[in-house]
Amino acid sequence: MTLDRERVREAMGALNPKQREAITLAYFGDRTYSDVADQLDIPLGTVKRRIRDGMMKMRPILQQSQDQ
């Protein structure tokens, strides 16, 4: 469990600030993508792109914990 938390922290640290903000609001803040777009005052497509790109950047780091 601690390893998983450490991996999530490491993966979140690999993101740029805009990706981190969008993912934090959506996944840890339990908001919809539309809510995130409204809160950040940006288009919905931008929110989706930031989250998608951020998750793609996080994936290899998070998969390391499954491989070990």
N, C-alpha and C. Protein backbone atom coordinates (compact mmCIF):
# COMPACT_ATOMS: atom_id res chain seq x y z
N MET A 1 0.82 -1.20 0.00
CA MET A 1 0.00 0.00 0.00
C MET A 1 0.87 1.26 0.00
N THR A 2 1.90 1.28 0.83
CA THR A 2 2.78 2.44 0.88
C THR A 2 3.50 2.63 -0.45
N LEU A 3 3.90 1.53 -1.06
CA LEU A 3 4.56 1.60 -2.36
C LEU A 3 3.63 2.23 -3.39
N ASP A 4 2.36 1.86 -3.36
CA ASP A 4 1.39 2.44 -4.28
C ASP A 4 1.27 3.94 -4.09
N ARG A 5 1.20 4.38 -2.88
CA ARG A 5 1.12 5.83 -2.60
C ARG A 5 2.37 6.55 -3.09
N GLU A 6 3.51 5.93 -2.87
CA GLU A 6 4.76 6.52 -3.31
C GLU A 6 4.80 6.61 -4.84
N ARG A 7 4.31 5.60 -5.50
CA ARG A 7 4.28 5.61 -6.97
C ARG A 7 3.33 6.69 -7.49
N VAL A 8 2.19 6.84 -6.84
CA VAL A 8 1.25 7.88 -7.26
C VAL A 8 1.88 9.26 -7.07
N ARG A 9 2.54 9.47 -5.94
CA ARG A 9 3.23 10.75 -5.71
C ARG A 9 4.31 10.99 -6.75
N GLU A 10 5.07 9.95 -7.04
CA GLU A 10 6.12 10.07 -8.05
C GLU A 10 5.51 10.38 -9.42
N ALA A 11 4.44 9.68 -9.76
CA ALA A 11 3.80 9.89 -11.06
C ALA A 11 3.21 11.30 -11.15
N MET A 12 2.57 11.76 -10.08
CA MET A 12 2.01 13.10 -10.08
C MET A 12 3.12 14.15 -10.19
N GLY A 13 4.27 13.86 -9.63
CA GLY A 13 5.40 14.77 -9.71
C GLY A 13 5.97 14.89 -11.11
N ALA A 14 5.69 13.91 -11.96
CA ALA A 14 6.19 13.94 -13.34
C ALA A 14 5.34 14.83 -14.24
N LEU A 15 4.20 15.27 -13.75
CA LEU A 15 3.28 16.06 -14.56
C LEU A 15 3.63 17.54 -14.55
N ASN A 16 3.22 18.23 -15.59
CA ASN A 16 3.36 19.68 -15.54
C ASN A 16 2.24 20.23 -14.64
N PRO A 17 2.37 21.44 -14.16
CA PRO A 17 1.39 21.97 -13.19
C PRO A 17 -0.06 21.97 -13.70
N LYS A 18 -0.27 22.22 -14.97
CA LYS A 18 -1.64 22.23 -15.51
C LYS A 18 -2.24 20.83 -15.54
N GLN A 19 -1.45 19.85 -15.90
CA GLN A 19 -1.93 18.46 -15.89
C GLN A 19 -2.22 18.02 -14.46
N ARG A 20 -1.31 18.35 -13.56
CA ARG A 20 -1.47 17.97 -12.15
C ARG A 20 -2.75 18.58 -11.58
N GLU A 21 -2.99 19.84 -11.89
CA GLU A 21 -4.18 20.52 -11.37
C GLU A 21 -5.46 19.85 -11.89
N ALA A 22 -5.52 19.57 -13.18
CA ALA A 22 -6.71 18.95 -13.76
C ALA A 22 -6.95 17.56 -13.18
N ILE A 23 -5.90 16.76 -13.07
CA ILE A 23 -6.05 15.40 -12.54
C ILE A 23 -6.43 15.44 -11.06
N THR A 24 -5.81 16.33 -10.32
CA THR A 24 -6.14 16.45 -8.90
C THR A 24 -7.61 16.80 -8.70
N LEU A 25 -8.09 17.76 -9.45
CA LEU A 25 -9.49 18.16 -9.33
C LEU A 25 -10.43 17.03 -9.74
N ALA A 26 -10.12 16.36 -10.85
CA ALA A 26 -11.02 15.33 -11.37
C ALA A 26 -11.01 14.06 -10.52
N TYR A 27 -9.84 13.55 -10.20
CA TYR A 27 -9.76 12.26 -9.54
C TYR A 27 -9.74 12.35 -8.02
N PHE A 28 -9.00 13.31 -7.49
CA PHE A 28 -8.92 13.42 -6.04
C PHE A 28 -9.98 14.37 -5.49
N GLY A 29 -10.46 15.27 -6.34
CA GLY A 29 -11.51 16.21 -5.95
C GLY A 29 -12.89 15.71 -6.31
N ASP A 30 -12.96 14.54 -6.95
CA ASP A 30 -14.22 13.90 -7.31
C ASP A 30 -15.13 14.83 -8.12
N ARG A 31 -14.53 15.52 -9.09
CA ARG A 31 -15.29 16.42 -9.95
C ARG A 31 -15.38 15.82 -11.35
N THR A 32 -16.43 16.18 -12.06
CA THR A 32 -16.54 15.76 -13.45
C THR A 32 -15.61 16.61 -14.30
N TYR A 33 -15.36 16.17 -15.51
CA TYR A 33 -14.53 16.96 -16.42
C TYR A 33 -15.18 18.32 -16.66
N SER A 34 -16.49 18.34 -16.77
CA SER A 34 -17.21 19.61 -16.96
C SER A 34 -17.02 20.53 -15.77
N ASP A 35 -17.08 19.96 -14.56
CA ASP A 35 -16.85 20.76 -13.35
C ASP A 35 -15.45 21.35 -13.35
N VAL A 36 -14.48 20.54 -13.75
CA VAL A 36 -13.09 21.00 -13.79
C VAL A 36 -12.96 22.15 -14.80
N ALA A 37 -13.58 21.98 -15.97
CA ALA A 37 -13.53 23.03 -16.99
C ALA A 37 -14.14 24.32 -16.47
N ASP A 38 -15.28 24.21 -15.80
CA ASP A 38 -15.93 25.40 -15.24
C ASP A 38 -15.06 26.06 -14.17
N GLN A 39 -14.50 25.23 -13.28
CA GLN A 39 -13.69 25.78 -12.19
C GLN A 39 -12.44 26.48 -12.72
N LEU A 40 -11.81 25.89 -13.73
CA LEU A 40 -10.57 26.47 -14.27
C LEU A 40 -10.85 27.49 -15.36
N ASP A 41 -12.09 27.60 -15.76
CA ASP A 41 -12.50 28.53 -16.82
C ASP A 41 -11.73 28.27 -18.12
N ILE A 42 -11.72 26.99 -18.49
CA ILE A 42 -11.08 26.58 -19.74
C ILE A 42 -12.05 25.65 -20.48
N PRO A 43 -11.84 25.46 -21.79
CA PRO A 43 -12.72 24.57 -22.54
C PRO A 43 -12.65 23.12 -22.06
N LEU A 44 -13.76 22.42 -22.21
CA LEU A 44 -13.83 21.02 -21.81
C LEU A 44 -12.79 20.19 -22.54
N GLY A 45 -12.60 20.43 -23.82
CA GLY A 45 -11.59 19.69 -24.59
C GLY A 45 -10.19 19.86 -24.03
N THR A 46 -9.90 21.02 -23.51
CA THR A 46 -8.58 21.27 -22.91
C THR A 46 -8.41 20.44 -21.65
N VAL A 47 -9.47 20.37 -20.85
CA VAL A 47 -9.42 19.54 -19.64
C VAL A 47 -9.19 18.08 -20.01
N LYS A 48 -9.93 17.60 -20.97
CA LYS A 48 -9.78 16.21 -21.40
C LYS A 48 -8.37 15.93 -21.89
N ARG A 49 -7.83 16.86 -22.67
CA ARG A 49 -6.47 16.67 -23.21
C ARG A 49 -5.43 16.66 -22.08
N ARG A 50 -5.57 17.59 -21.15
CA ARG A 50 -4.61 17.64 -20.04
C ARG A 50 -4.65 16.35 -19.22
N ILE A 51 -5.85 15.87 -18.96
CA ILE A 51 -5.97 14.64 -18.17
C ILE A 51 -5.45 13.45 -18.95
N ARG A 52 -5.81 13.35 -20.22
CA ARG A 52 -5.34 12.23 -21.05
C ARG A 52 -3.82 12.24 -21.15
N ASP A 53 -3.25 13.39 -21.46
CA ASP A 53 -1.80 13.48 -21.59
C ASP A 53 -1.11 13.19 -20.26
N GLY A 54 -1.68 13.69 -19.19
CA GLY A 54 -1.11 13.44 -17.87
C GLY A 54 -1.17 11.97 -17.49
N MET A 55 -2.29 11.33 -17.78
CA MET A 55 -2.42 9.91 -17.45
C MET A 55 -1.44 9.07 -18.29
N MET A 56 -1.24 9.47 -19.52
CA MET A 56 -0.26 8.75 -20.37
C MET A 56 1.15 8.91 -19.81
N LYS A 57 1.45 10.07 -19.26
CA LYS A 57 2.76 10.30 -18.67
C LYS A 57 2.92 9.51 -17.37
N MET A 58 1.82 9.35 -16.63
CA MET A 58 1.86 8.64 -15.35
C MET A 58 1.92 7.12 -15.52
N ARG A 59 1.34 6.63 -16.59
CA ARG A 59 1.18 5.18 -16.78
C ARG A 59 2.47 4.38 -16.58
N PRO A 60 3.59 4.73 -17.22
CA PRO A 60 4.80 3.91 -17.04
C PRO A 60 5.29 3.88 -15.58
N ILE A 61 5.12 4.97 -14.89
CA ILE A 61 5.56 5.03 -13.49
C ILE A 61 4.66 4.15 -12.64
N LEU A 62 3.37 4.21 -12.87
CA LEU A 62 2.43 3.41 -12.08
C LEU A 62 2.54 1.93 -12.42
N GLN A 63 2.87 1.60 -13.65
CA GLN A 63 3.02 0.20 -14.04
C GLN A 63 4.25 -0.44 -13.42
N GLN A 64 5.23 0.37 -13.06
CA GLN A 64 6.43 -0.18 -12.39
C GLN A 64 6.03 -0.91 -11.12
N SER A 65 5.06 -0.38 -10.40
CA SER A 65 4.66 -1.01 -9.14
C SER A 65 3.98 -2.36 -9.39
N GLN A 66 3.33 -2.54 -10.53
CA GLN A 66 2.71 -3.82 -10.86
C GLN A 66 3.74 -4.83 -11.30
N ASP A 67 4.81 -4.34 -11.93
CA ASP A 67 5.84 -5.24 -12.44
C ASP A 67 6.77 -5.75 -11.35
N GLN A 68 6.79 -5.08 -10.23
CA GLN A 68 7.72 -5.47 -9.17
C GLN A 68 7.09 -6.39 -8.17
